Amino acid sequence: MGTIYIKDLRLHAFHGVLPQEREVGNDYVVNLSVDYPVETAAQSDKVEDTMSYADAAAIIQREMGTPSCLIENVAWRIAHAVLDTFTAAASVTVDIMKIAPPMQADCAGAGVRVTLDGCRL
């Protein structure tokens, strides 16, 4: 088993409960990790035998482009889309952080992490 990952993908998107968040948007950082069997790719050294992190990034960008009230919903959609696309995946973890959350706190951001098993109904 191995893992492909995307670290600190920065995007501007329009998620949030407050009207301003849906109009102005916010900056987000997304991290993704996908556990999958790497043996075939490791032995063949062929790109068609691996999981494409470029395709995974495209999934993230597509789902982040669809506004939601909650980033839990966005993370859930990304995780399911990755599992639907990469059927050999054993699990996927999506971490989304809103850089400037609308709250009275001095922090680097706030977010959610969702992990789904590849073996799901």
PDB file of N, CA and C in Angstrom:
ATOM      1  N   MET A   1       0.852  -1.182   0.000  1.00  0.00           N
ATOM      2  CA  MET A   1       0.000   0.000   0.000  1.00  0.00           C
ATOM      3  C   MET A   1       0.895   1.242   0.000  1.00  0.00           C
ATOM      4  N   GLY A   2       0.447   2.264  -0.670  1.00  0.00           N
ATOM      5  CA  GLY A   2       1.155   3.539  -0.709  1.00  0.00           C
ATOM      6  C   GLY A   2       0.150   4.677  -0.661  1.00  0.00           C
ATOM      7  N   THR A   3       0.639   5.881  -0.751  1.00  0.00           N
ATOM      8  CA  THR A   3      -0.223   7.058  -0.659  1.00  0.00           C
ATOM      9  C   THR A   3       0.204   8.086  -1.697  1.00  0.00           C
ATOM     10  N   ILE A   4      -0.775   8.622  -2.439  1.00  0.00           N
ATOM     11  CA  ILE A   4      -0.517   9.838  -3.203  1.00  0.00           C
ATOM     12  C   ILE A   4      -1.105  10.972  -2.376  1.00  0.00           C
ATOM     13  N   TYR A   5      -0.508  12.136  -2.496  1.00  0.00           N
ATOM     14  CA  TYR A   5      -1.061  13.257  -1.745  1.00  0.00           C
ATOM     15  C   TYR A   5      -0.869  14.562  -2.494  1.00  0.00           C
ATOM     16  N   ILE A   6      -1.730  15.482  -2.155  1.00  0.00           N
ATOM     17  CA  ILE A   6      -1.621  16.863  -2.619  1.00  0.00           C
ATOM     18  C   ILE A   6      -1.580  17.699  -1.359  1.00  0.00           C
ATOM     19  N   LYS A   7      -0.554  18.524  -1.252  1.00  0.00           N
ATOM     20  CA  LYS A   7      -0.352  19.298  -0.030  1.00  0.00           C
ATOM     21  C   LYS A   7      -0.529  20.788  -0.315  1.00  0.00           C
ATOM     22  N   ASP A   8      -1.385  21.403   0.477  1.00  0.00           N
ATOM     23  CA  ASP A   8      -1.579  22.853   0.482  1.00  0.00           C
ATOM     24  C   ASP A   8      -1.987  23.424  -0.872  1.00  0.00           C
ATOM     25  N   LEU A   9      -2.974  22.802  -1.501  1.00  0.00           N
ATOM     26  CA  LEU A   9      -3.556  23.350  -2.720  1.00  0.00           C
ATOM     27  C   LEU A   9      -4.372  24.578  -2.334  1.00  0.00           C
ATOM     28  N   ARG A  10      -4.006  25.727  -2.849  1.00  0.00           N
ATOM     29  CA  ARG A  10      -4.666  26.989  -2.488  1.00  0.00           C
ATOM     30  C   ARG A  10      -5.707  27.347  -3.539  1.00  0.00           C
ATOM     31  N   LEU A  11      -6.913  27.664  -3.035  1.00  0.00           N
ATOM     32  CA  LEU A  11      -8.029  27.989  -3.911  1.00  0.00           C
ATOM     33  C   LEU A  11      -8.855  29.119  -3.303  1.00  0.00           C
ATOM     34  N   HIS A  12      -9.526  29.861  -4.155  1.00  0.00           N
ATOM     35  CA  HIS A  12     -10.518  30.837  -3.704  1.00  0.00           C
ATOM     36  C   HIS A  12     -11.876  30.243  -4.055  1.00  0.00           C
ATOM     37  N   ALA A  13     -12.778  30.207  -3.081  1.00  0.00           N
ATOM     38  CA  ALA A  13     -14.084  29.599  -3.315  1.00  0.00           C
ATOM     39  C   ALA A  13     -15.149  30.344  -2.511  1.00  0.00           C
ATOM     40  N   PHE A  14     -16.396  29.966  -2.737  1.00  0.00           N
ATOM     41  CA  PHE A  14     -17.536  30.718  -2.208  1.00  0.00           C
ATOM     42  C   PHE A  14     -18.411  29.850  -1.317  1.00  0.00           C
ATOM     43  N   HIS A  15     -17.808  29.311  -0.261  1.00  0.00           N
ATOM     44  CA  HIS A  15     -18.529  28.481   0.699  1.00  0.00           C
ATOM     45  C   HIS A  15     -18.777  29.280   1.962  1.00  0.00           C
ATOM     46  N   GLY A  16     -19.882  28.987   2.625  1.00  0.00           N
ATOM     47  CA  GLY A  16     -20.139  29.621   3.908  1.00  0.00           C
ATOM     48  C   GLY A  16     -21.617  29.831   4.146  1.00  0.00           C
ATOM     49  N   VAL A  17     -21.927  30.053   5.403  1.00  0.00           N
ATOM     50  CA  VAL A  17     -23.308  30.276   5.821  1.00  0.00           C
ATOM     51  C   VAL A  17     -23.688  31.739   5.631  1.00  0.00           C
ATOM     52  N   LEU A  18     -22.740  32.631   5.871  1.00  0.00           N
ATOM     53  CA  LEU A  18     -23.025  34.060   5.784  1.00  0.00           C
ATOM     54  C   LEU A  18     -23.105  34.523   4.331  1.00  0.00           C
ATOM     55  N   PRO A  19     -24.032  35.431   4.026  1.00  0.00           N
ATOM     56  CA  PRO A  19     -24.166  35.924   2.645  1.00  0.00           C
ATOM     57  C   PRO A  19     -22.859  36.486   2.085  1.00  0.00           C
ATOM     58  N   GLN A  20     -22.080  37.178   2.902  1.00  0.00           N
ATOM     59  CA  GLN A  20     -20.824  37.761   2.433  1.00  0.00           C
ATOM     60  C   GLN A  20     -19.854  36.679   1.965  1.00  0.00           C
ATOM     61  N   GLU A  21     -19.835  35.553   2.673  1.00  0.00           N
ATOM     62  CA  GLU A  21     -18.942  34.458   2.284  1.00  0.00           C
ATOM     63  C   GLU A  21     -19.319  33.910   0.908  1.00  0.00           C
ATOM     64  N   ARG A  22     -20.604  33.904   0.617  1.00  0.00           N
ATOM     65  CA  ARG A  22     -21.089  33.379  -0.659  1.00  0.00           C
ATOM     66  C   ARG A  22     -20.882  34.388  -1.795  1.00  0.00           C
ATOM     67  N   GLU A  23     -20.772  35.683  -1.447  1.00  0.00           N
ATOM     68  CA  GLU A  23     -20.594  36.723  -2.466  1.00  0.00           C
ATOM     69  C   GLU A  23     -19.127  37.041  -2.712  1.00  0.00           C
ATOM     70  N   VAL A  24     -18.364  37.245  -1.646  1.00  0.00           N
ATOM     71  CA  VAL A  24     -16.959  37.651  -1.757  1.00  0.00           C
ATOM     72  C   VAL A  24     -16.036  36.438  -1.840  1.00  0.00           C
ATOM     73  N   GLY A  25     -16.403  35.379  -1.160  1.00  0.00           N
ATOM     74  CA  GLY A  25     -15.581  34.186  -1.117  1.00  0.00           C
ATOM     75  C   GLY A  25     -14.486  34.268  -0.071  1.00  0.00           C
ATOM     76  N   ASN A  26     -13.667  33.265  -0.057  1.00  0.00           N
ATOM     77  CA  ASN A  26     -12.594  33.162   0.919  1.00  0.00           C
ATOM     78  C   ASN A  26     -11.488  32.305   0.305  1.00  0.00           C
ATOM     79  N   ASP A  27     -10.320  32.404   0.896  1.00  0.00           N
ATOM     80  CA  ASP A  27      -9.211  31.557   0.477  1.00  0.00           C
ATOM     81  C   ASP A  27      -9.204  30.287   1.317  1.00  0.00           C
ATOM     82  N   TYR A  28      -8.887  29.191   0.652  1.00  0.00           N
ATOM     83  CA  TYR A  28      -8.883  27.871   1.285  1.00  0.00           C
ATOM     84  C   TYR A  28      -7.572  27.159   0.967  1.00  0.00           C
ATOM     85  N   VAL A  29      -7.209  26.254   1.860  1.00  0.00           N
ATOM     86  CA  VAL A  29      -6.094  25.341   1.627  1.00  0.00           C
ATOM     87  C   VAL A  29      -6.655  23.931   1.746  1.00  0.00           C
ATOM     88  N   VAL A  30      -6.392  23.118   0.715  1.00  0.00           N
ATOM     89  CA  VAL A  30      -6.910  21.752   0.691  1.00  0.00           C
ATOM     90  C   VAL A  30      -5.734  20.787   0.646  1.00  0.00           C
ATOM     91  N   ASN A  31      -5.820  19.768   1.488  1.00  0.00           N
ATOM     92  CA  ASN A  31      -4.863  18.667   1.486  1.00  0.00           C
ATOM     93  C   ASN A  31      -5.639  17.385   1.213  1.00  0.00           C
ATOM     94  N   LEU A  32      -5.027  16.517   0.427  1.00  0.00           N
ATOM     95  CA  LEU A  32      -5.662  15.258   0.057  1.00  0.00           C
ATOM     96  C   LEU A  32      -4.641  14.148   0.176  1.00  0.00           C
ATOM     97  N   SER A  33      -5.047  13.019   0.717  1.00  0.00           N
ATOM     98  CA  SER A  33      -4.201  11.821   0.671  1.00  0.00           C
ATOM     99  C   SER A  33      -5.079  10.630   0.321  1.00  0.00           C
ATOM    100  N   VAL A  34      -4.548   9.797  -0.558  1.00  0.00           N
ATOM    101  CA  VAL A  34      -5.280   8.625  -1.033  1.00  0.00           C
ATOM    102  C   VAL A  34      -4.373   7.408  -0.881  1.00  0.00           C
ATOM    103  N   ASP A  35      -4.809   6.448  -0.090  1.00  0.00           N
ATOM    104  CA  ASP A  35      -4.081   5.188   0.064  1.00  0.00           C
ATOM    105  C   ASP A  35      -4.538   4.235  -1.030  1.00  0.00           C
ATOM    106  N   TYR A  36      -3.572   3.625  -1.709  1.00  0.00           N
ATOM    107  CA  TYR A  36      -3.901   2.720  -2.804  1.00  0.00           C
ATOM    108  C   TYR A  36      -2.736   1.747  -3.006  1.00  0.00           C
ATOM    109  N   PRO A  37      -2.991   0.621  -3.684  1.00  0.00           N
ATOM    110  CA  PRO A  37      -1.924  -0.343  -3.942  1.00  0.00           C
ATOM    111  C   PRO A  37      -0.946   0.194  -4.989  1.00  0.00           C
ATOM    112  N   VAL A  38       0.311   0.356  -4.616  1.00  0.00           N
ATOM    113  CA  VAL A  38       1.311   0.955  -5.513  1.00  0.00           C
ATOM    114  C   VAL A  38       2.196  -0.073  -6.211  1.00  0.00           C
ATOM    115  N   GLU A  39       2.057  -1.323  -5.879  1.00  0.00           N
ATOM    116  CA  GLU A  39       2.993  -2.339  -6.364  1.00  0.00           C
ATOM    117  C   GLU A  39       3.113  -2.361  -7.886  1.00  0.00           C
ATOM    118  N   THR A  40       1.999  -2.356  -8.592  1.00  0.00           N
ATOM    119  CA  THR A  40       2.054  -2.418 -10.062  1.00  0.00           C
ATOM    120  C   THR A  40       2.809  -1.226 -10.634  1.00  0.00           C
ATOM    121  N   ALA A  41       2.477  -0.021 -10.182  1.00  0.00           N
ATOM    122  CA  ALA A  41       3.151   1.189 -10.680  1.00  0.00           C
ATOM    123  C   ALA A  41       4.624   1.189 -10.301  1.00  0.00           C
ATOM    124  N   ALA A  42       4.918   0.762  -9.098  1.00  0.00           N
ATOM    125  CA  ALA A  42       6.312   0.749  -8.647  1.00  0.00           C
ATOM    126  C   ALA A  42       7.159  -0.193  -9.489  1.00  0.00           C
ATOM    127  N   GLN A  43       6.576  -1.313  -9.907  1.00  0.00           N
ATOM    128  CA  GLN A  43       7.323  -2.285 -10.703  1.00  0.00           C
ATOM    129  C   GLN A  43       7.358  -1.929 -12.182  1.00  0.00           C
ATOM    130  N   SER A  44       6.266  -1.366 -12.709  1.00  0.00           N
ATOM    131  CA  SER A  44       6.205  -1.097 -14.147  1.00  0.00           C
ATOM    132  C   SER A  44       6.839   0.239 -14.534  1.00  0.00           C
ATOM    133  N   ASP A  45       6.827   1.192 -13.623  1.00  0.00           N
ATOM    134  CA  ASP A  45       7.322   2.544 -13.889  1.00  0.00           C
ATOM    135  C   ASP A  45       6.525   3.211 -15.018  1.00  0.00           C
ATOM    136  N   LYS A  46       5.213   2.884 -15.097  1.00  0.00           N
ATOM    137  CA  LYS A  46       4.341   3.440 -16.126  1.00  0.00           C
ATOM    138  C   LYS A  46       3.254   4.281 -15.469  1.00  0.00           C
ATOM    139  N   VAL A  47       3.042   5.470 -16.015  1.00  0.00           N
ATOM    140  CA  VAL A  47       2.075   6.398 -15.439  1.00  0.00           C
ATOM    141  C   VAL A  47       0.651   5.826 -15.470  1.00  0.00           C
ATOM    142  N   GLU A  48       0.337   5.017 -16.467  1.00  0.00           N
ATOM    143  CA  GLU A  48      -1.017   4.454 -16.533  1.00  0.00           C
ATOM    144  C   GLU A  48      -1.298   3.432 -15.431  1.00  0.00           C
ATOM    145  N   ASP A  49      -0.265   3.018 -14.702  1.00  0.00           N
ATOM    146  CA  ASP A  49      -0.446   2.063 -13.609  1.00  0.00           C
ATOM    147  C   ASP A  49      -0.565   2.736 -12.237  1.00  0.00           C
ATOM    148  N   THR A  50      -0.566   4.051 -12.216  1.00  0.00           N
ATOM    149  CA  THR A  50      -0.640   4.754 -10.943  1.00  0.00           C
ATOM    150  C   THR A  50      -1.908   5.598 -10.872  1.00  0.00           C
ATOM    151  N   MET A  51      -2.109   6.261  -9.765  1.00  0.00           N
ATOM    152  CA  MET A  51      -3.208   7.214  -9.611  1.00  0.00           C
ATOM    153  C   MET A  51      -2.660   8.597  -9.934  1.00  0.00           C
ATOM    154  N   SER A  52      -3.354   9.317 -10.761  1.00  0.00           N
ATOM    155  CA  SER A  52      -2.891  10.628 -11.200  1.00  0.00           C
ATOM    156  C   SER A  52      -3.246  11.703 -10.184  1.00  0.00           C
ATOM    157  N   TYR A  53      -2.227  12.317  -9.598  1.00  0.00           N
ATOM    158  CA  TYR A  53      -2.532  13.414  -8.683  1.00  0.00           C
ATOM    159  C   TYR A  53      -3.032  14.635  -9.440  1.00  0.00           C
ATOM    160  N   ALA A  54      -2.734  14.738 -10.741  1.00  0.00           N
ATOM    161  CA  ALA A  54      -3.310  15.819 -11.546  1.00  0.00           C
ATOM    162  C   ALA A  54      -4.826  15.635 -11.670  1.00  0.00           C
ATOM    163  N   ASP A  55      -5.264  14.394 -11.868  1.00  0.00           N
ATOM    164  CA  ASP A  55      -6.704  14.123 -11.913  1.00  0.00           C
ATOM    165  C   ASP A  55      -7.343  14.377 -10.555  1.00  0.00           C
ATOM    166  N   ALA A  56      -6.644  14.020  -9.481  1.00  0.00           N
ATOM    167  CA  ALA A  56      -7.159  14.279  -8.133  1.00  0.00           C
ATOM    168  C   ALA A  56      -7.282  15.781  -7.887  1.00  0.00           C
ATOM    169  N   ALA A  57      -6.305  16.562  -8.335  1.00  0.00           N
ATOM    170  CA  ALA A  57      -6.367  18.018  -8.186  1.00  0.00           C
ATOM    171  C   ALA A  57      -7.548  18.593  -8.959  1.00  0.00           C
ATOM    172  N   ALA A  58      -7.816  18.044 -10.132  1.00  0.00           N
ATOM    173  CA  ALA A  58      -8.960  18.507 -10.924  1.00  0.00           C
ATOM    174  C   ALA A  58     -10.277  18.235 -10.197  1.00  0.00           C
ATOM    175  N   ILE A  59     -10.363  17.102  -9.520  1.00  0.00           N
ATOM    176  CA  ILE A  59     -11.563  16.792  -8.726  1.00  0.00           C
ATOM    177  C   ILE A  59     -11.732  17.825  -7.622  1.00  0.00           C
ATOM    178  N   ILE A  60     -10.651  18.125  -6.919  1.00  0.00           N
ATOM    179  CA  ILE A  60     -10.709  19.120  -5.846  1.00  0.00           C
ATOM    180  C   ILE A  60     -11.178  20.466  -6.404  1.00  0.00           C
ATOM    181  N   GLN A  61     -10.588  20.900  -7.499  1.00  0.00           N
ATOM    182  CA  GLN A  61     -10.948  22.194  -8.085  1.00  0.00           C
ATOM    183  C   GLN A  61     -12.409  22.217  -8.518  1.00  0.00           C
ATOM    184  N   ARG A  62     -12.879  21.144  -9.112  1.00  0.00           N
ATOM    185  CA  ARG A  62     -14.282  21.073  -9.546  1.00  0.00           C
ATOM    186  C   ARG A  62     -15.231  21.174  -8.351  1.00  0.00           C
ATOM    187  N   GLU A  63     -14.983  20.391  -7.316  1.00  0.00           N
ATOM    188  CA  GLU A  63     -15.886  20.382  -6.167  1.00  0.00           C
ATOM    189  C   GLU A  63     -15.802  21.671  -5.357  1.00  0.00           C
ATOM    190  N   MET A  64     -14.606  22.256  -5.273  1.00  0.00           N
ATOM    191  CA  MET A  64     -14.475  23.544  -4.583  1.00  0.00           C
ATOM    192  C   MET A  64     -15.195  24.649  -5.347  1.00  0.00           C
ATOM    193  N   GLY A  65     -15.398  24.459  -6.641  1.00  0.00           N
ATOM    194  CA  GLY A  65     -16.088  25.444  -7.462  1.00  0.00           C
ATOM    195  C   GLY A  65     -17.596  25.422  -7.317  1.00  0.00           C
ATOM    196  N   THR A  66     -18.127  24.434  -6.610  1.00  0.00           N
ATOM    197  CA  THR A  66     -19.566  24.353  -6.359  1.00  0.00           C
ATOM    198  C   THR A  66     -19.836  24.854  -4.941  1.00  0.00           C
ATOM    199  N   PRO A  67     -20.476  26.042  -4.794  1.00  0.00           N
ATOM    200  CA  PRO A  67     -20.682  26.622  -3.467  1.00  0.00           C
ATOM    201  C   PRO A  67     -21.529  25.729  -2.551  1.00  0.00           C
ATOM    202  N   SER A  68     -21.152  25.720  -1.288  1.00  0.00           N
ATOM    203  CA  SER A  68     -21.879  24.996  -0.245  1.00  0.00           C
ATOM    204  C   SER A  68     -21.905  25.856   1.008  1.00  0.00           C
ATOM    205  N   CYS A  69     -22.886  25.623   1.838  1.00  0.00           N
ATOM    206  CA  CYS A  69     -22.915  26.322   3.128  1.00  0.00           C
ATOM    207  C   CYS A  69     -21.798  25.823   4.028  1.00  0.00           C
ATOM    208  N   LEU A  70     -21.570  24.519   4.019  1.00  0.00           N
ATOM    209  CA  LEU A  70     -20.605  23.908   4.933  1.00  0.00           C
ATOM    210  C   LEU A  70     -19.445  23.263   4.177  1.00  0.00           C
ATOM    211  N   ILE A  71     -18.240  23.459   4.702  1.00  0.00           N
ATOM    212  CA  ILE A  71     -17.097  22.803   4.062  1.00  0.00           C
ATOM    213  C   ILE A  71     -17.089  21.303   4.343  1.00  0.00           C
ATOM    214  N   GLU A  72     -17.855  20.861   5.324  1.00  0.00           N
ATOM    215  CA  GLU A  72     -18.029  19.419   5.524  1.00  0.00           C
ATOM    216  C   GLU A  72     -18.631  18.798   4.265  1.00  0.00           C
ATOM    217  N   ASN A  73     -19.609  19.497   3.685  1.00  0.00           N
ATOM    218  CA  ASN A  73     -20.255  19.020   2.467  1.00  0.00           C
ATOM    219  C   ASN A  73     -19.253  18.953   1.321  1.00  0.00           C
ATOM    220  N   VAL A  74     -18.407  19.967   1.210  1.00  0.00           N
ATOM    221  CA  VAL A  74     -17.415  20.000   0.137  1.00  0.00           C
ATOM    222  C   VAL A  74     -16.406  18.865   0.309  1.00  0.00           C
ATOM    223  N   ALA A  75     -15.902  18.685   1.527  1.00  0.00           N
ATOM    224  CA  ALA A  75     -14.929  17.615   1.795  1.00  0.00           C
ATOM    225  C   ALA A  75     -15.541  16.247   1.506  1.00  0.00           C
ATOM    226  N   TRP A  76     -16.793  16.055   1.876  1.00  0.00           N
ATOM    227  CA  TRP A  76     -17.508  14.800   1.641  1.00  0.00           C
ATOM    228  C   TRP A  76     -17.632  14.534   0.141  1.00  0.00           C
ATOM    229  N   ARG A  77     -17.982  15.574  -0.616  1.00  0.00           N
ATOM    230  CA  ARG A  77     -18.116  15.428  -2.062  1.00  0.00           C
ATOM    231  C   ARG A  77     -16.776  15.095  -2.720  1.00  0.00           C
ATOM    232  N   ILE A  78     -15.718  15.772  -2.274  1.00  0.00           N
ATOM    233  CA  ILE A  78     -14.381  15.490  -2.828  1.00  0.00           C
ATOM    234  C   ILE A  78     -13.994  14.040  -2.546  1.00  0.00           C
ATOM    235  N   ALA A  79     -14.164  13.614  -1.306  1.00  0.00           N
ATOM    236  CA  ALA A  79     -13.789  12.252  -0.926  1.00  0.00           C
ATOM    237  C   ALA A  79     -14.548  11.219  -1.750  1.00  0.00           C
ATOM    238  N   HIS A  80     -15.851  11.408  -1.900  1.00  0.00           N
ATOM    239  CA  HIS A  80     -16.646  10.459  -2.690  1.00  0.00           C
ATOM    240  C   HIS A  80     -16.240  10.479  -4.160  1.00  0.00           C
ATOM    241  N   ALA A  81     -15.987  11.654  -4.707  1.00  0.00           N
ATOM    242  CA  ALA A  81     -15.583  11.741  -6.111  1.00  0.00           C
ATOM    243  C   ALA A  81     -14.237  11.050  -6.347  1.00  0.00           C
ATOM    244  N   VAL A  82     -13.324  11.194  -5.409  1.00  0.00           N
ATOM    245  CA  VAL A  82     -12.021  10.518  -5.527  1.00  0.00           C
ATOM    246  C   VAL A  82     -12.213   9.002  -5.490  1.00  0.00           C
ATOM    247  N   LEU A  83     -13.026   8.516  -4.565  1.00  0.00           N
ATOM    248  CA  LEU A  83     -13.260   7.072  -4.486  1.00  0.00           C
ATOM    249  C   LEU A  83     -13.994   6.550  -5.715  1.00  0.00           C
ATOM    250  N   ASP A  84     -14.910   7.344  -6.270  1.00  0.00           N
ATOM    251  CA  ASP A  84     -15.622   6.933  -7.481  1.00  0.00           C
ATOM    252  C   ASP A  84     -14.679   6.890  -8.686  1.00  0.00           C
ATOM    253  N   THR A  85     -13.724   7.815  -8.728  1.00  0.00           N
ATOM    254  CA  THR A  85     -12.789   7.898  -9.849  1.00  0.00           C
ATOM    255  C   THR A  85     -11.675   6.864  -9.741  1.00  0.00           C
ATOM    256  N   PHE A  86     -11.122   6.723  -8.551  1.00  0.00           N
ATOM    257  CA  PHE A  86     -10.002   5.802  -8.312  1.00  0.00           C
ATOM    258  C   PHE A  86     -10.523   4.599  -7.531  1.00  0.00           C
ATOM    259  N   THR A  87     -11.091   3.654  -8.238  1.00  0.00           N
ATOM    260  CA  THR A  87     -11.780   2.534  -7.585  1.00  0.00           C
ATOM    261  C   THR A  87     -10.841   1.624  -6.804  1.00  0.00           C
ATOM    262  N   ALA A  88      -9.544   1.680  -7.062  1.00  0.00           N
ATOM    263  CA  ALA A  88      -8.589   0.862  -6.313  1.00  0.00           C
ATOM    264  C   ALA A  88      -8.209   1.499  -4.981  1.00  0.00           C
ATOM    265  N   ALA A  89      -8.656   2.718  -4.729  1.00  0.00           N
ATOM    266  CA  ALA A  89      -8.282   3.420  -3.497  1.00  0.00           C
ATOM    267  C   ALA A  89      -8.802   2.686  -2.275  1.00  0.00           C
ATOM    268  N   ALA A  90      -7.937   2.547  -1.284  1.00  0.00           N
ATOM    269  CA  ALA A  90      -8.325   1.914  -0.022  1.00  0.00           C
ATOM    270  C   ALA A  90      -8.988   2.923   0.916  1.00  0.00           C
ATOM    271  N   SER A  91      -8.513   4.172   0.877  1.00  0.00           N
ATOM    272  CA  SER A  91      -9.113   5.226   1.703  1.00  0.00           C
ATOM    273  C   SER A  91      -8.683   6.579   1.155  1.00  0.00           C
ATOM    274  N   VAL A  92      -9.430   7.597   1.538  1.00  0.00           N
ATOM    275  CA  VAL A  92      -9.121   8.965   1.133  1.00  0.00           C
ATOM    276  C   VAL A  92      -9.356   9.883   2.326  1.00  0.00           C
ATOM    277  N   THR A  93      -8.462  10.842   2.502  1.00  0.00           N
ATOM    278  CA  THR A  93      -8.612  11.863   3.527  1.00  0.00           C
ATOM    279  C   THR A  93      -8.543  13.227   2.856  1.00  0.00           C
ATOM    280  N   VAL A  94      -9.536  14.059   3.152  1.00  0.00           N
ATOM    281  CA  VAL A  94      -9.615  15.420   2.613  1.00  0.00           C
ATOM    282  C   VAL A  94      -9.616  16.375   3.795  1.00  0.00           C
ATOM    283  N   ASP A  95      -8.730  17.348   3.740  1.00  0.00           N
ATOM    284  CA  ASP A  95      -8.609  18.363   4.785  1.00  0.00           C
ATOM    285  C   ASP A  95      -8.798  19.721   4.119  1.00  0.00           C
ATOM    286  N   ILE A  96      -9.833  20.459   4.547  1.00  0.00           N
ATOM    287  CA  ILE A  96     -10.092  21.789   3.992  1.00  0.00           C
ATOM    288  C   ILE A  96     -10.006  22.808   5.116  1.00  0.00           C
ATOM    289  N   MET A  97      -9.186  23.844   4.899  1.00  0.00           N
ATOM    290  CA  MET A  97      -9.044  24.906   5.883  1.00  0.00           C
ATOM    291  C   MET A  97      -9.433  26.236   5.248  1.00  0.00           C
ATOM    292  N   LYS A  98     -10.335  26.951   5.921  1.00  0.00           N
ATOM    293  CA  LYS A  98     -10.707  28.305   5.520  1.00  0.00           C
ATOM    294  C   LYS A  98      -9.691  29.239   6.160  1.00  0.00           C
ATOM    295  N   ILE A  99      -9.001  30.034   5.336  1.00  0.00           N
ATOM    296  CA  ILE A  99      -7.906  30.875   5.819  1.00  0.00           C
ATOM    297  C   ILE A  99      -8.375  31.957   6.787  1.00  0.00           C
ATOM    298  N   ALA A 100      -9.462  32.640   6.480  1.00  0.00           N
ATOM    299  CA  ALA A 100      -9.943  33.733   7.338  1.00  0.00           C
ATOM    300  C   ALA A 100     -11.393  33.476   7.726  1.00  0.00           C
ATOM    301  N   PRO A 101     -11.613  32.552   8.667  1.00  0.00           N
ATOM    302  CA  PRO A 101     -12.992  32.241   9.043  1.00  0.00           C
ATOM    303  C   PRO A 101     -13.640  33.442   9.743  1.00  0.00           C
ATOM    304  N   PRO A 102     -14.948  33.629   9.523  1.00  0.00           N
ATOM    305  CA  PRO A 102     -15.640  34.768  10.133  1.00  0.00           C
ATOM    306  C   PRO A 102     -15.962  34.503  11.606  1.00  0.00           C
ATOM    307  N   MET A 103     -14.942  34.646  12.442  1.00  0.00           N
ATOM    308  CA  MET A 103     -15.131  34.463  13.884  1.00  0.00           C
ATOM    309  C   MET A 103     -14.132  35.346  14.617  1.00  0.00           C
ATOM    310  N   GLN A 104     -14.407  35.603  15.853  1.00  0.00           N
ATOM    311  CA  GLN A 104     -13.553  36.460  16.672  1.00  0.00           C
ATOM    312  C   GLN A 104     -12.443  35.622  17.299  1.00  0.00           C
ATOM    313  N   ALA A 105     -11.454  35.295  16.491  1.00  0.00           N
ATOM    314  CA  ALA A 105     -10.324  34.518  16.992  1.00  0.00           C
ATOM    315  C   ALA A 105      -9.119  34.783  16.099  1.00  0.00           C
ATOM    316  N   ASP A 106      -7.954  34.828  16.704  1.00  0.00           N
ATOM    317  CA  ASP A 106      -6.718  35.007  15.967  1.00  0.00           C
ATOM    318  C   ASP A 106      -6.136  33.626  15.695  1.00  0.00           C
ATOM    319  N   CYS A 107      -6.361  33.130  14.466  1.00  0.00           N
ATOM    320  CA  CYS A 107      -5.886  31.787  14.129  1.00  0.00           C
ATOM    321  C   CYS A 107      -5.472  31.752  12.662  1.00  0.00           C
ATOM    322  N   ALA A 108      -4.728  30.734  12.307  1.00  0.00           N
ATOM    323  CA  ALA A 108      -4.276  30.569  10.927  1.00  0.00           C
ATOM    324  C   ALA A 108      -5.415  30.136  10.017  1.00  0.00           C
ATOM    325  N   GLY A 109      -6.461  29.588  10.590  1.00  0.00           N
ATOM    326  CA  GLY A 109      -7.605  29.123   9.820  1.00  0.00           C
ATOM    327  C   GLY A 109      -8.413  28.133  10.616  1.00  0.00           C
ATOM    328  N   ALA A 110      -9.519  27.713  10.046  1.00  0.00           N
ATOM    329  CA  ALA A 110     -10.386  26.710  10.665  1.00  0.00           C
ATOM    330  C   ALA A 110     -10.880  25.795   9.563  1.00  0.00           C
ATOM    331  N   GLY A 111     -11.092  24.537   9.895  1.00  0.00           N
ATOM    332  CA  GLY A 111     -11.490  23.628   8.841  1.00  0.00           C
ATOM    333  C   GLY A 111     -12.049  22.316   9.312  1.00  0.00           C
ATOM    334  N   VAL A 112     -12.032  21.377   8.386  1.00  0.00           N
ATOM    335  CA  VAL A 112     -12.591  20.055   8.633  1.00  0.00           C
ATOM    336  C   VAL A 112     -11.731  19.016   7.916  1.00  0.00           C
ATOM    337  N   ARG A 113     -11.698  17.825   8.489  1.00  0.00           N
ATOM    338  CA  ARG A 113     -11.005  16.697   7.862  1.00  0.00           C
ATOM    339  C   ARG A 113     -11.999  15.538   7.777  1.00  0.00           C
ATOM    340  N   VAL A 114     -12.104  14.950   6.584  1.00  0.00           N
ATOM    341  CA  VAL A 114     -13.000  13.820   6.355  1.00  0.00           C
ATOM    342  C   VAL A 114     -12.172  12.664   5.825  1.00  0.00           C
ATOM    343  N   THR A 115     -12.360  11.489   6.395  1.00  0.00           N
ATOM    344  CA  THR A 115     -11.702  10.277   5.912  1.00  0.00           C
ATOM    345  C   THR A 115     -12.773   9.252   5.573  1.00  0.00           C
ATOM    346  N   LEU A 116     -12.686   8.695   4.365  1.00  0.00           N
ATOM    347  CA  LEU A 116     -13.608   7.661   3.943  1.00  0.00           C
ATOM    348  C   LEU A 116     -12.834   6.425   3.534  1.00  0.00           C
ATOM    349  N   ASP A 117     -13.409   5.278   3.833  1.00  0.00           N
ATOM    350  CA  ASP A 117     -12.868   3.994   3.443  1.00  0.00           C
ATOM    351  C   ASP A 117     -13.251   3.699   2.004  1.00  0.00           C
ATOM    352  N   GLY A 118     -12.364   3.100   1.257  1.00  0.00           N
ATOM    353  CA  GLY A 118     -12.671   2.722  -0.118  1.00  0.00           C
ATOM    354  C   GLY A 118     -13.735   1.643  -0.220  1.00  0.00           C
ATOM    355  N   CYS A 119     -13.891   0.857   0.825  1.00  0.00           N
ATOM    356  CA  CYS A 119     -14.904  -0.197   0.856  1.00  0.00           C
ATOM    357  C   CYS A 119     -16.156   0.377   1.499  1.00  0.00           C
ATOM    358  N   ARG A 120     -17.030   0.945   0.680  1.00  0.00           N
ATOM    359  CA  ARG A 120     -18.244   1.569   1.188  1.00  0.00           C
ATOM    360  C   ARG A 120     -19.435   1.106   0.375  1.00  0.00           C
ATOM    361  N   LEU A 121     -20.597   1.286   0.947  1.00  0.00           N
ATOM    362  CA  LEU A 121     -21.833   0.900   0.238  1.00  0.00           C
ATOM    363  C   LEU A 121     -22.330   2.043  -0.587  1.00  0.00           C
TER     364      LEU A 121
END
